C-alpha cells in the first residue's frame, strides 16, 4: 500500500455525480480537483465523504489517483468507516483524521533514534539521543552545549570513556589519570621562560604552571 501521505490546506469540494458503495472512482465539482494533492506512485491523500442531507454519514477513503476533477483510484472504508453510496452534492473534504495523526506519531517515534546534524549545527542541552545503536550523522562540525555527552559505540551497549577511546577525537577525559596525562603533555609543550611571551600566555616554570603578567 502507498505510504506517503499528502496534504493540502482548505481542500473541499462536492460530488458532481453519485457514487455507489463499491465505486473506486468519483467526479468532483468542476474546477475543484486542483485544490487537492496529486499523488504519484507510493503516495495518497485522505478524503472524507459526508452526506449533505443529514451531515451524519461519513466515510474516510484513501485517494491514490486524481486527474483533473476525477478521482481515478481510491480505497474505500478506511479507519473503521463503512463504504456508503453518496449523491451528487455530498461533500468531499480533505480533513485531519485520527488515522493521519497516528501515522505521523508512529513515524516520528521510529525516526527519533537517528538525528542528522548539518555542518556547524548546534545541539543545546538537555538533548537525549535514545536507541541502540544511536546514529548521529554530522556534516563537518557538531557542537554540544548545555551538558555532558555520553557516547555509546558498537552494539555492546558499553559507554565509551571519553579520552580513553581512540574512536572519540578531541574528547574531554573523564578520569583523573587521563586528565593528568593530558595536562602533562600540555605542560611539556609550553615555553619555559617569559622571554618573548605576550601577556596572558602560559609557561612551564620548573613544572609550575604560570601566566605571563602584563
N, C-alpha and C. Protein backbone atom coordinates (compact mmCIF):
# COMPACT_ATOMS: atom_id res chain seq x y z
N UNK A 1 0.85 -1.20 0.00
CA UNK A 1 0.00 0.00 0.00
C UNK A 1 0.87 1.24 0.00
N UNK A 2 0.36 2.34 -0.52
CA UNK A 2 1.07 3.60 -0.52
C UNK A 2 1.42 4.01 0.91
N UNK A 3 2.53 4.70 1.08
CA UNK A 3 2.99 5.02 2.41
C UNK A 3 3.18 6.50 2.68
N UNK A 4 3.26 7.35 1.67
CA UNK A 4 3.49 8.77 1.88
C UNK A 4 2.16 9.52 1.79
N UNK A 5 1.79 10.19 2.88
CA UNK A 5 0.53 10.93 2.91
C UNK A 5 0.76 12.35 2.42
N UNK A 6 -0.10 12.81 1.52
CA UNK A 6 -0.03 14.18 1.01
C UNK A 6 -1.12 15.04 1.66
N UNK A 7 -0.87 16.34 1.72
CA UNK A 7 -1.82 17.23 2.36
C UNK A 7 -2.05 18.48 1.51
N UNK A 8 -3.18 19.11 1.72
CA UNK A 8 -3.49 20.40 1.09
C UNK A 8 -4.37 21.18 2.04
N UNK A 9 -4.13 22.48 2.14
CA UNK A 9 -4.93 23.32 3.01
C UNK A 9 -6.28 23.67 2.38
N UNK A 10 -7.32 23.62 3.18
CA UNK A 10 -8.66 24.09 2.77
C UNK A 10 -9.18 23.44 1.49
N UNK A 11 -8.84 22.16 1.30
CA UNK A 11 -9.31 21.44 0.11
C UNK A 11 -10.68 20.83 0.39
N UNK A 12 -11.69 21.40 -0.21
CA UNK A 12 -13.05 20.90 -0.02
C UNK A 12 -13.83 21.01 -1.33
N UNK A 13 -14.71 20.07 -1.56
CA UNK A 13 -15.49 20.05 -2.79
C UNK A 13 -16.79 19.29 -2.55
N UNK A 14 -17.50 19.06 -3.61
CA UNK A 14 -18.70 18.22 -3.56
C UNK A 14 -18.63 17.24 -4.72
N UNK A 15 -19.44 16.21 -4.64
CA UNK A 15 -19.51 15.24 -5.73
C UNK A 15 -20.36 15.79 -6.87
N UNK A 16 -19.82 15.64 -8.08
CA UNK A 16 -20.58 16.11 -9.25
C UNK A 16 -21.59 15.08 -9.70
N UNK A 17 -21.39 13.83 -9.27
CA UNK A 17 -22.31 12.75 -9.62
C UNK A 17 -22.33 11.75 -8.48
N UNK A 18 -23.37 10.98 -8.39
CA UNK A 18 -23.49 10.00 -7.31
C UNK A 18 -22.49 8.87 -7.49
N UNK A 19 -22.15 8.21 -6.39
CA UNK A 19 -21.27 7.03 -6.43
C UNK A 19 -21.90 5.92 -5.61
N UNK A 20 -21.58 4.69 -5.97
CA UNK A 20 -22.07 3.54 -5.21
C UNK A 20 -21.10 3.24 -4.07
N UNK A 21 -21.50 2.33 -3.21
CA UNK A 21 -20.65 1.94 -2.09
C UNK A 21 -19.41 1.20 -2.55
N UNK A 22 -19.45 0.67 -3.77
CA UNK A 22 -18.31 -0.10 -4.28
C UNK A 22 -17.43 0.71 -5.24
N UNK A 23 -17.83 1.93 -5.56
CA UNK A 23 -17.11 2.73 -6.55
C UNK A 23 -15.70 3.06 -6.07
N UNK A 24 -14.74 3.01 -6.98
CA UNK A 24 -13.36 3.40 -6.67
C UNK A 24 -12.95 4.63 -7.46
N UNK A 25 -13.90 5.22 -8.16
CA UNK A 25 -13.67 6.49 -8.85
C UNK A 25 -14.81 7.44 -8.50
N UNK A 26 -14.58 8.73 -8.66
CA UNK A 26 -15.62 9.72 -8.36
C UNK A 26 -15.28 11.01 -9.09
N UNK A 27 -16.30 11.79 -9.39
CA UNK A 27 -16.11 13.07 -10.07
C UNK A 27 -16.45 14.19 -9.10
N UNK A 28 -15.50 15.13 -8.95
CA UNK A 28 -15.71 16.27 -8.07
C UNK A 28 -16.30 17.44 -8.84
N UNK A 29 -16.79 18.43 -8.12
CA UNK A 29 -17.34 19.63 -8.75
C UNK A 29 -16.31 20.26 -9.67
N UNK A 30 -16.77 20.81 -10.78
CA UNK A 30 -15.88 21.35 -11.81
C UNK A 30 -14.90 22.38 -11.23
N UNK A 31 -13.64 22.18 -11.55
CA UNK A 31 -12.61 23.13 -11.16
C UNK A 31 -12.06 22.96 -9.76
N UNK A 32 -12.55 21.99 -9.00
CA UNK A 32 -12.09 21.83 -7.61
C UNK A 32 -11.02 20.76 -7.44
N UNK A 33 -10.80 19.97 -8.46
CA UNK A 33 -9.79 18.91 -8.35
C UNK A 33 -8.40 19.46 -8.06
N UNK A 34 -8.12 20.65 -8.56
CA UNK A 34 -6.80 21.26 -8.36
C UNK A 34 -6.55 21.65 -6.91
N UNK A 35 -7.59 21.68 -6.10
CA UNK A 35 -7.42 22.02 -4.69
C UNK A 35 -6.75 20.89 -3.91
N UNK A 36 -6.84 19.68 -4.43
CA UNK A 36 -6.35 18.51 -3.71
C UNK A 36 -4.95 18.12 -4.18
N UNK A 37 -4.22 17.36 -3.36
CA UNK A 37 -2.90 16.88 -3.78
C UNK A 37 -3.02 15.97 -5.00
N UNK A 38 -1.91 15.79 -5.68
CA UNK A 38 -1.88 14.94 -6.87
C UNK A 38 -0.90 13.79 -6.63
N UNK A 39 -1.38 12.69 -6.02
CA UNK A 39 -0.46 11.61 -5.65
C UNK A 39 0.11 10.88 -6.85
N UNK A 40 1.37 10.49 -6.69
CA UNK A 40 2.02 9.62 -7.67
C UNK A 40 2.25 8.27 -7.00
N UNK A 41 3.08 7.44 -7.59
CA UNK A 41 3.30 6.10 -7.05
C UNK A 41 3.80 6.17 -5.61
N UNK A 42 3.15 5.40 -4.73
CA UNK A 42 3.55 5.36 -3.34
C UNK A 42 2.99 6.49 -2.50
N UNK A 43 2.07 7.27 -3.03
CA UNK A 43 1.51 8.40 -2.30
C UNK A 43 -0.02 8.32 -2.27
N UNK A 44 -0.61 9.00 -1.30
CA UNK A 44 -2.07 9.11 -1.25
C UNK A 44 -2.46 10.30 -0.39
N UNK A 45 -3.70 10.73 -0.51
CA UNK A 45 -4.23 11.70 0.44
C UNK A 45 -5.55 11.18 0.99
N UNK A 46 -5.87 11.65 2.19
CA UNK A 46 -7.06 11.18 2.89
C UNK A 46 -8.23 12.10 2.58
N UNK A 47 -9.34 11.50 2.18
CA UNK A 47 -10.54 12.26 1.82
C UNK A 47 -11.71 11.76 2.65
N UNK A 48 -12.54 12.69 3.10
CA UNK A 48 -13.73 12.32 3.87
C UNK A 48 -14.97 12.69 3.09
N UNK A 49 -15.85 11.70 2.86
CA UNK A 49 -17.16 11.94 2.27
C UNK A 49 -18.16 12.20 3.39
N UNK A 50 -19.05 13.16 3.16
CA UNK A 50 -20.09 13.50 4.14
C UNK A 50 -21.39 13.79 3.41
N UNK A 51 -22.47 13.14 3.83
CA UNK A 51 -23.74 13.38 3.14
C UNK A 51 -24.25 14.78 3.48
N UNK A 52 -24.74 15.48 2.48
CA UNK A 52 -25.20 16.86 2.66
C UNK A 52 -26.55 16.93 3.36
N UNK A 53 -27.36 15.90 3.22
CA UNK A 53 -28.73 15.95 3.75
C UNK A 53 -28.75 15.95 5.28
N UNK A 54 -28.05 15.00 5.89
CA UNK A 54 -28.10 14.89 7.36
C UNK A 54 -26.77 15.26 8.01
N UNK A 55 -25.70 15.24 7.23
CA UNK A 55 -24.35 15.50 7.71
C UNK A 55 -23.99 14.62 8.91
N UNK A 56 -24.45 13.39 8.82
CA UNK A 56 -24.13 12.41 9.87
C UNK A 56 -23.47 11.15 9.30
N UNK A 57 -23.52 11.00 7.98
CA UNK A 57 -22.95 9.81 7.35
C UNK A 57 -21.59 10.18 6.78
N UNK A 58 -20.57 9.56 7.31
CA UNK A 58 -19.19 9.88 6.91
C UNK A 58 -18.45 8.62 6.50
N UNK A 59 -17.53 8.82 5.57
CA UNK A 59 -16.65 7.73 5.16
C UNK A 59 -15.27 8.32 4.85
N UNK A 60 -14.25 7.65 5.31
CA UNK A 60 -12.87 8.07 5.05
C UNK A 60 -12.29 7.16 3.97
N UNK A 61 -11.70 7.76 2.96
CA UNK A 61 -11.10 6.99 1.88
C UNK A 61 -9.67 7.47 1.64
N UNK A 62 -8.88 6.59 1.02
CA UNK A 62 -7.52 6.95 0.62
C UNK A 62 -7.50 7.13 -0.89
N UNK A 63 -7.18 8.32 -1.34
CA UNK A 63 -7.14 8.61 -2.77
C UNK A 63 -5.71 8.44 -3.27
N UNK A 64 -5.53 7.53 -4.21
CA UNK A 64 -4.20 7.27 -4.76
C UNK A 64 -4.04 7.79 -6.19
N UNK A 65 -5.11 8.31 -6.76
CA UNK A 65 -5.02 8.84 -8.12
C UNK A 65 -6.10 9.87 -8.37
N UNK A 66 -5.72 11.00 -8.99
CA UNK A 66 -6.69 12.02 -9.37
C UNK A 66 -6.21 12.68 -10.65
N UNK A 67 -7.14 12.93 -11.55
CA UNK A 67 -6.82 13.58 -12.82
C UNK A 67 -7.86 14.66 -13.06
N UNK A 68 -7.42 15.91 -13.00
CA UNK A 68 -8.38 17.00 -13.13
C UNK A 68 -9.37 16.95 -11.99
N UNK A 69 -10.64 16.85 -12.31
CA UNK A 69 -11.68 16.77 -11.29
C UNK A 69 -12.14 15.34 -11.01
N UNK A 70 -11.43 14.38 -11.59
CA UNK A 70 -11.84 12.98 -11.45
C UNK A 70 -10.90 12.21 -10.55
N UNK A 71 -11.44 11.64 -9.48
CA UNK A 71 -10.67 10.70 -8.66
C UNK A 71 -10.62 9.38 -9.41
N UNK A 72 -9.42 8.97 -9.76
CA UNK A 72 -9.27 7.78 -10.61
C UNK A 72 -9.01 6.51 -9.81
N UNK A 73 -8.63 6.65 -8.55
CA UNK A 73 -8.38 5.47 -7.72
C UNK A 73 -8.50 5.86 -6.25
N UNK A 74 -9.29 5.09 -5.52
CA UNK A 74 -9.40 5.33 -4.08
C UNK A 74 -9.75 4.03 -3.38
N UNK A 75 -9.27 3.92 -2.13
CA UNK A 75 -9.55 2.76 -1.29
C UNK A 75 -10.62 3.16 -0.28
N UNK A 76 -11.74 2.48 -0.33
CA UNK A 76 -12.92 2.89 0.45
C UNK A 76 -12.87 2.37 1.90
N UNK A 77 -13.68 2.99 2.75
CA UNK A 77 -13.93 2.50 4.10
C UNK A 77 -12.72 2.40 5.00
N UNK A 78 -11.93 3.45 5.09
CA UNK A 78 -10.75 3.42 5.94
C UNK A 78 -11.08 3.89 7.37
N UNK A 79 -10.19 3.55 8.29
CA UNK A 79 -10.26 3.96 9.69
C UNK A 79 -11.58 3.57 10.35
N UNK A 80 -12.07 2.39 10.00
CA UNK A 80 -13.27 1.87 10.64
C UNK A 80 -14.57 2.40 10.09
N UNK A 81 -14.51 3.19 9.00
CA UNK A 81 -15.75 3.70 8.39
C UNK A 81 -16.28 2.68 7.38
N UNK A 82 -17.54 2.85 7.01
CA UNK A 82 -18.20 1.89 6.13
C UNK A 82 -18.42 2.48 4.74
N UNK A 83 -18.02 1.77 3.68
CA UNK A 83 -18.31 2.24 2.33
C UNK A 83 -19.81 2.46 2.15
N UNK A 84 -20.14 3.63 1.62
CA UNK A 84 -21.55 4.02 1.52
C UNK A 84 -21.79 4.68 0.16
N UNK A 85 -23.00 4.61 -0.33
CA UNK A 85 -23.37 5.33 -1.55
C UNK A 85 -23.59 6.81 -1.22
N UNK A 86 -23.11 7.67 -2.11
CA UNK A 86 -23.28 9.12 -1.91
C UNK A 86 -23.90 9.74 -3.15
N UNK A 87 -24.56 10.88 -2.94
CA UNK A 87 -25.27 11.56 -4.01
C UNK A 87 -24.51 12.77 -4.51
N UNK A 88 -24.86 13.22 -5.69
CA UNK A 88 -24.31 14.47 -6.20
C UNK A 88 -24.62 15.58 -5.20
N UNK A 89 -23.61 16.39 -4.90
CA UNK A 89 -23.80 17.46 -3.93
C UNK A 89 -23.31 17.11 -2.53
N UNK A 90 -23.06 15.80 -2.29
CA UNK A 90 -22.48 15.44 -0.99
C UNK A 90 -21.03 15.94 -0.93
N UNK A 91 -20.55 16.14 0.28
CA UNK A 91 -19.25 16.77 0.47
C UNK A 91 -18.09 15.79 0.30
N UNK A 92 -16.98 16.32 -0.22
CA UNK A 92 -15.71 15.59 -0.31
C UNK A 92 -14.64 16.54 0.21
N UNK A 93 -14.09 16.21 1.38
CA UNK A 93 -13.20 17.15 2.06
C UNK A 93 -11.90 16.50 2.50
N UNK A 94 -10.83 17.27 2.44
CA UNK A 94 -9.54 16.82 2.96
C UNK A 94 -9.44 17.28 4.41
N UNK A 95 -9.63 16.35 5.35
CA UNK A 95 -9.66 16.67 6.77
C UNK A 95 -8.58 15.89 7.52
N UNK A 96 -8.16 16.43 8.66
CA UNK A 96 -7.26 15.69 9.54
C UNK A 96 -8.08 14.61 10.26
N UNK A 97 -7.57 13.38 10.25
CA UNK A 97 -8.27 12.26 10.89
C UNK A 97 -7.37 11.65 11.96
N UNK A 98 -7.98 10.82 12.79
CA UNK A 98 -7.21 10.12 13.82
C UNK A 98 -6.15 9.22 13.19
N UNK A 99 -6.48 8.64 12.05
CA UNK A 99 -5.52 7.78 11.37
C UNK A 99 -4.28 8.53 10.91
N UNK A 100 -4.49 9.75 10.40
CA UNK A 100 -3.36 10.58 9.97
C UNK A 100 -2.45 10.88 11.15
N UNK A 101 -3.04 11.31 12.27
CA UNK A 101 -2.25 11.68 13.44
C UNK A 101 -1.52 10.47 14.01
N UNK A 102 -2.16 9.31 14.01
CA UNK A 102 -1.50 8.10 14.50
C UNK A 102 -0.31 7.72 13.62
N UNK A 103 -0.48 7.89 12.30
CA UNK A 103 0.61 7.58 11.38
C UNK A 103 1.79 8.53 11.62
N UNK A 104 1.50 9.81 11.75
CA UNK A 104 2.56 10.78 11.99
C UNK A 104 3.27 10.52 13.31
N UNK A 105 2.50 10.13 14.31
CA UNK A 105 3.08 9.84 15.62
C UNK A 105 4.01 8.64 15.55
N UNK A 106 3.58 7.57 14.87
CA UNK A 106 4.41 6.37 14.77
C UNK A 106 5.65 6.62 13.94
N UNK A 107 5.52 7.42 12.87
CA UNK A 107 6.69 7.74 12.05
C UNK A 107 7.69 8.57 12.84
N UNK A 108 7.17 9.52 13.63
CA UNK A 108 8.04 10.34 14.44
C UNK A 108 8.79 9.53 15.48
N UNK A 109 8.10 8.56 16.10
CA UNK A 109 8.74 7.72 17.10
C UNK A 109 9.82 6.85 16.48
N UNK A 110 9.56 6.33 15.27
CA UNK A 110 10.54 5.49 14.60
C UNK A 110 11.76 6.28 14.18
N UNK A 111 11.56 7.55 13.84
CA UNK A 111 12.67 8.37 13.37
C UNK A 111 13.50 8.96 14.50
N UNK A 112 12.95 8.96 15.73
CA UNK A 112 13.62 9.62 16.83
C UNK A 112 15.05 9.16 17.09
N UNK A 113 15.38 7.83 17.03
CA UNK A 113 16.75 7.43 17.35
C UNK A 113 17.81 8.04 16.45
N UNK A 114 17.51 8.41 15.22
CA UNK A 114 18.52 8.96 14.33
C UNK A 114 18.37 10.46 14.19
N UNK A 115 19.43 11.21 14.54
CA UNK A 115 19.39 12.66 14.41
C UNK A 115 20.51 13.09 13.48
N UNK A 116 20.16 13.74 12.38
CA UNK A 116 21.16 14.21 11.43
C UNK A 116 21.51 15.65 11.72
N UNK A 117 22.79 15.94 11.90
CA UNK A 117 23.22 17.30 12.20
C UNK A 117 24.01 17.85 11.02
N UNK A 118 23.61 19.01 10.55
CA UNK A 118 24.32 19.64 9.44
C UNK A 118 25.63 20.23 9.94
N UNK A 119 26.48 20.61 9.01
CA UNK A 119 27.77 21.19 9.36
C UNK A 119 27.56 22.42 10.23
N UNK A 120 28.21 22.44 11.39
CA UNK A 120 28.13 23.58 12.28
C UNK A 120 26.87 23.66 13.11
N UNK A 121 25.97 22.68 12.99
CA UNK A 121 24.72 22.74 13.73
C UNK A 121 24.98 22.56 15.23
N UNK A 122 24.20 23.26 16.05
CA UNK A 122 24.38 23.22 17.50
C UNK A 122 23.21 22.49 18.14
N UNK A 123 23.53 21.47 18.95
CA UNK A 123 22.52 20.79 19.75
C UNK A 123 22.64 21.32 21.17
N UNK A 124 21.60 21.99 21.67
CA UNK A 124 21.66 22.56 23.01
C UNK A 124 21.00 21.63 24.00
N UNK A 125 21.56 21.55 25.18
CA UNK A 125 21.09 20.60 26.17
C UNK A 125 19.87 21.09 26.93
N UNK A 126 19.16 20.18 27.59
CA UNK A 126 19.48 18.75 27.51
C UNK A 126 18.93 18.12 26.24
N UNK A 127 19.77 17.37 25.53
CA UNK A 127 19.35 16.67 24.33
C UNK A 127 19.60 15.18 24.54
N UNK A 128 18.57 14.37 24.40
CA UNK A 128 18.70 12.93 24.60
C UNK A 128 18.63 12.21 23.27
N UNK A 129 19.65 11.45 22.95
CA UNK A 129 19.66 10.62 21.75
C UNK A 129 19.46 9.19 22.23
N UNK A 130 18.25 8.66 22.03
CA UNK A 130 17.94 7.34 22.56
C UNK A 130 17.91 6.30 21.47
N UNK A 131 18.23 5.07 21.81
CA UNK A 131 18.19 3.99 20.84
C UNK A 131 19.44 3.14 20.94
N UNK A 132 19.43 2.01 20.29
CA UNK A 132 20.59 1.12 20.34
C UNK A 132 20.75 0.44 18.99
N UNK A 133 21.75 0.83 18.21
CA UNK A 133 22.65 1.95 18.48
C UNK A 133 22.01 3.26 18.04
N UNK A 134 22.61 4.39 18.38
CA UNK A 134 22.10 5.70 18.01
C UNK A 134 22.96 6.27 16.88
N UNK A 135 22.41 6.42 15.68
CA UNK A 135 23.19 7.04 14.60
C UNK A 135 23.10 8.56 14.68
N UNK A 136 24.23 9.22 14.81
CA UNK A 136 24.27 10.68 14.78
C UNK A 136 25.15 11.08 13.60
N UNK A 137 24.54 11.61 12.56
CA UNK A 137 25.27 11.97 11.36
C UNK A 137 25.66 13.44 11.41
N UNK A 138 26.94 13.72 11.28
CA UNK A 138 27.42 15.08 11.38
C UNK A 138 28.09 15.48 10.07
N UNK A 139 27.81 16.70 9.61
CA UNK A 139 28.44 17.19 8.39
C UNK A 139 29.93 17.35 8.58
N UNK A 140 30.36 18.48 9.14
CA UNK A 140 31.78 18.68 9.40
C UNK A 140 32.06 19.12 10.82
N UNK A 141 31.04 19.58 11.53
CA UNK A 141 31.26 20.03 12.90
C UNK A 141 29.99 19.88 13.71
N UNK A 142 30.14 19.46 14.95
CA UNK A 142 28.99 19.30 15.84
C UNK A 142 29.35 19.90 17.19
N UNK A 143 28.57 20.86 17.64
CA UNK A 143 28.80 21.48 18.94
C UNK A 143 27.70 21.05 19.89
N UNK A 144 28.06 20.52 21.04
CA UNK A 144 27.08 20.13 22.04
C UNK A 144 27.29 21.01 23.26
N UNK A 145 26.29 21.79 23.62
CA UNK A 145 26.40 22.69 24.76
C UNK A 145 25.28 22.44 25.73
N UNK A 146 25.46 22.88 26.95
CA UNK A 146 24.41 22.78 27.95
C UNK A 146 24.41 21.48 28.72
N UNK A 147 25.46 20.69 28.59
CA UNK A 147 25.51 19.45 29.35
C UNK A 147 26.56 18.50 28.82
N UNK A 148 26.63 17.32 29.43
CA UNK A 148 27.64 16.34 29.05
C UNK A 148 27.14 15.49 27.89
N UNK A 149 28.07 14.86 27.21
CA UNK A 149 27.74 13.96 26.10
C UNK A 149 28.18 12.56 26.46
N UNK A 150 27.23 11.65 26.54
CA UNK A 150 27.51 10.26 26.85
C UNK A 150 27.42 9.48 25.56
N UNK A 151 28.53 8.90 25.12
CA UNK A 151 28.60 8.27 23.81
C UNK A 151 28.69 6.76 23.96
N UNK A 152 27.85 6.05 23.21
CA UNK A 152 27.94 4.59 23.15
C UNK A 152 28.33 4.18 21.74
N UNK A 153 29.31 3.30 21.65
CA UNK A 153 29.80 2.85 20.36
C UNK A 153 29.61 1.34 20.24
N UNK A 154 29.35 0.90 18.99
CA UNK A 154 29.20 -0.52 18.76
C UNK A 154 27.84 -1.03 19.19
N UNK A 155 27.73 -2.33 19.38
CA UNK A 155 26.45 -2.95 19.70
C UNK A 155 26.42 -3.53 21.10
N UNK A 156 27.51 -3.36 21.88
CA UNK A 156 27.55 -3.98 23.19
C UNK A 156 26.84 -3.16 24.24
N UNK A 157 26.58 -1.89 23.95
CA UNK A 157 25.91 -1.04 24.92
C UNK A 157 26.85 -0.47 25.96
N UNK A 158 28.16 -0.72 25.81
CA UNK A 158 29.14 -0.19 26.76
C UNK A 158 29.43 1.26 26.45
N UNK A 159 29.39 2.10 27.48
CA UNK A 159 29.67 3.51 27.28
C UNK A 159 31.16 3.71 27.08
N UNK A 160 31.53 4.33 25.98
CA UNK A 160 32.94 4.60 25.72
C UNK A 160 33.42 5.72 26.61
N UNK A 161 34.58 5.52 27.23
CA UNK A 161 35.12 6.54 28.13
C UNK A 161 35.77 7.65 27.31
N UNK A 162 35.24 8.86 27.48
CA UNK A 162 35.80 9.99 26.74
C UNK A 162 37.26 10.16 27.07
N UNK A 163 38.10 10.31 26.06
CA UNK A 163 39.53 10.47 26.27
C UNK A 163 40.27 9.16 26.32
N UNK A 164 39.55 8.05 26.50
CA UNK A 164 40.19 6.74 26.60
C UNK A 164 39.81 5.82 25.46
N UNK A 165 39.14 6.35 24.48
CA UNK A 165 38.70 5.54 23.35
C UNK A 165 39.17 6.22 22.07
N UNK A 166 39.94 5.49 21.26
CA UNK A 166 40.53 6.08 20.07
C UNK A 166 39.50 6.51 19.05
N UNK A 167 38.26 6.05 19.20
CA UNK A 167 37.22 6.40 18.25
C UNK A 167 36.60 7.75 18.57
N UNK A 168 36.91 8.32 19.75
CA UNK A 168 36.41 9.64 20.11
C UNK A 168 37.57 10.61 20.01
N UNK A 169 37.46 11.57 19.10
CA UNK A 169 38.54 12.51 18.86
C UNK A 169 38.29 13.81 19.60
N UNK A 170 39.31 14.35 20.25
CA UNK A 170 39.24 15.62 20.96
C UNK A 170 38.18 15.63 22.06
N UNK A 171 37.99 14.48 22.71
CA UNK A 171 37.03 14.41 23.80
C UNK A 171 37.69 14.80 25.11
N UNK A 172 36.93 15.36 26.02
CA UNK A 172 37.44 15.70 27.35
C UNK A 172 37.58 14.43 28.19
N UNK A 173 38.77 14.16 28.76
CA UNK A 173 38.94 12.98 29.60
C UNK A 173 37.98 13.00 30.78
N UNK A 174 37.52 11.83 31.19
CA UNK A 174 36.58 11.77 32.31
C UNK A 174 37.14 11.00 33.48
N UNK A 175 38.48 10.76 33.50
CA UNK A 175 39.12 10.13 34.64
C UNK A 175 40.30 10.99 35.07
N UNK A 176 40.68 10.88 36.34
CA UNK A 176 41.79 11.68 36.86
C UNK A 176 43.09 11.32 36.14
N UNK A 177 43.32 10.02 35.91
CA UNK A 177 44.55 9.59 35.25
C UNK A 177 44.64 10.14 33.83
N UNK A 178 43.53 10.10 33.11
CA UNK A 178 43.53 10.59 31.74
C UNK A 178 43.74 12.10 31.72
N UNK A 179 43.14 12.80 32.68
CA UNK A 179 43.31 14.25 32.75
C UNK A 179 44.74 14.62 33.10
N UNK A 180 45.35 13.86 34.03
CA UNK A 180 46.75 14.10 34.38
C UNK A 180 47.66 13.92 33.18
N UNK A 181 47.38 12.89 32.40
CA UNK A 181 48.20 12.62 31.22
C UNK A 181 48.07 13.75 30.21
N UNK A 182 46.86 14.24 30.04
CA UNK A 182 46.64 15.35 29.12
C UNK A 182 47.36 16.60 29.59
N UNK A 183 47.28 16.90 30.89
CA UNK A 183 47.95 18.08 31.43
C UNK A 183 49.45 17.97 31.31
N UNK A 184 49.99 16.78 31.54
CA UNK A 184 51.43 16.57 31.41
C UNK A 184 51.90 16.84 30.00
N UNK A 185 51.15 16.35 29.04
CA UNK A 185 51.50 16.58 27.64
C UNK A 185 51.44 18.06 27.30
N UNK A 186 50.39 18.71 27.79
CA UNK A 186 50.24 20.14 27.51
C UNK A 186 51.35 20.96 28.16
N UNK A 187 51.67 20.64 29.43
CA UNK A 187 52.73 21.37 30.14
C UNK A 187 54.06 21.23 29.41
N UNK A 188 54.32 20.06 28.89
CA UNK A 188 55.59 19.81 28.19
C UNK A 188 55.69 20.63 26.91
N UNK A 189 54.56 21.04 26.36
CA UNK A 189 54.57 21.80 25.10
C UNK A 189 54.72 23.29 25.33
N UNK A 190 54.64 23.75 26.59
CA UNK A 190 54.70 25.17 26.90
C UNK A 190 56.14 25.69 26.95
N UNK A 191 56.34 26.97 26.66
CA UNK A 191 57.67 27.57 26.84
C UNK A 191 58.03 27.59 28.32
N UNK A 192 59.31 27.64 28.60
CA UNK A 192 59.77 27.56 29.99
C UNK A 192 60.21 28.91 30.55
N UNK A 193 60.24 29.95 29.73
CA UNK A 193 60.60 31.28 30.21
C UNK A 193 59.60 32.30 29.68
N UNK A 194 59.59 33.48 30.30
CA UNK A 194 58.69 34.54 29.88
C UNK A 194 59.24 35.33 28.69
N UNK A 195 60.50 35.06 28.35
CA UNK A 195 61.14 35.81 27.27
C UNK A 195 60.39 35.64 25.96
N UNK A 196 59.97 36.76 25.38
CA UNK A 196 59.29 36.74 24.08
C UNK A 196 57.83 36.37 24.16
N UNK A 197 57.32 36.16 25.37
CA UNK A 197 55.92 35.76 25.52
C UNK A 197 55.03 36.98 25.77
N UNK A 198 53.82 36.95 25.27
CA UNK A 198 52.88 38.06 25.44
C UNK A 198 52.12 37.89 26.74
N UNK A 199 51.57 38.99 27.25
CA UNK A 199 50.79 38.96 28.48
C UNK A 199 49.60 38.01 28.32
N UNK A 200 49.39 37.18 29.33
CA UNK A 200 48.30 36.22 29.30
C UNK A 200 48.71 34.84 28.85
N UNK A 201 49.92 34.71 28.27
CA UNK A 201 50.40 33.41 27.81
C UNK A 201 50.77 32.54 29.00
N UNK A 202 50.71 31.22 28.81
CA UNK A 202 51.06 30.28 29.87
C UNK A 202 52.46 29.74 29.62
N UNK A 203 53.23 29.58 30.76
CA UNK A 203 54.57 28.99 30.65
C UNK A 203 54.71 27.89 31.69
N UNK A 204 55.68 27.01 31.45
CA UNK A 204 56.01 25.92 32.37
C UNK A 204 57.29 26.30 33.09
N UNK A 205 57.12 26.82 34.29
CA UNK A 205 58.28 27.29 35.05
C UNK A 205 58.67 26.23 36.07
N UNK A 206 59.58 25.33 35.66
CA UNK A 206 60.04 24.28 36.56
C UNK A 206 58.93 23.37 37.01
N UNK A 207 57.99 23.08 36.13
CA UNK A 207 56.90 22.19 36.46
C UNK A 207 55.71 22.88 37.10
N UNK A 208 55.81 24.23 37.21
CA UNK A 208 54.71 25.01 37.77
C UNK A 208 54.09 25.83 36.66
N UNK A 209 52.78 25.74 36.55
CA UNK A 209 52.07 26.49 35.50
C UNK A 209 51.91 27.93 35.94
N UNK A 210 52.42 28.85 35.09
CA UNK A 210 52.33 30.26 35.41
C UNK A 210 51.84 31.01 34.19
N UNK A 211 51.18 32.15 34.45
CA UNK A 211 50.68 33.01 33.37
C UNK A 211 51.48 34.28 33.35
N UNK A 212 51.89 34.69 32.14
CA UNK A 212 52.68 35.90 31.97
C UNK A 212 51.82 37.11 32.29
N UNK A 213 52.33 37.95 33.19
CA UNK A 213 51.60 39.14 33.60
C UNK A 213 51.96 40.34 32.69
N UNK A 214 51.04 41.31 32.57
CA UNK A 214 51.32 42.49 31.75
C UNK A 214 52.51 43.27 32.30
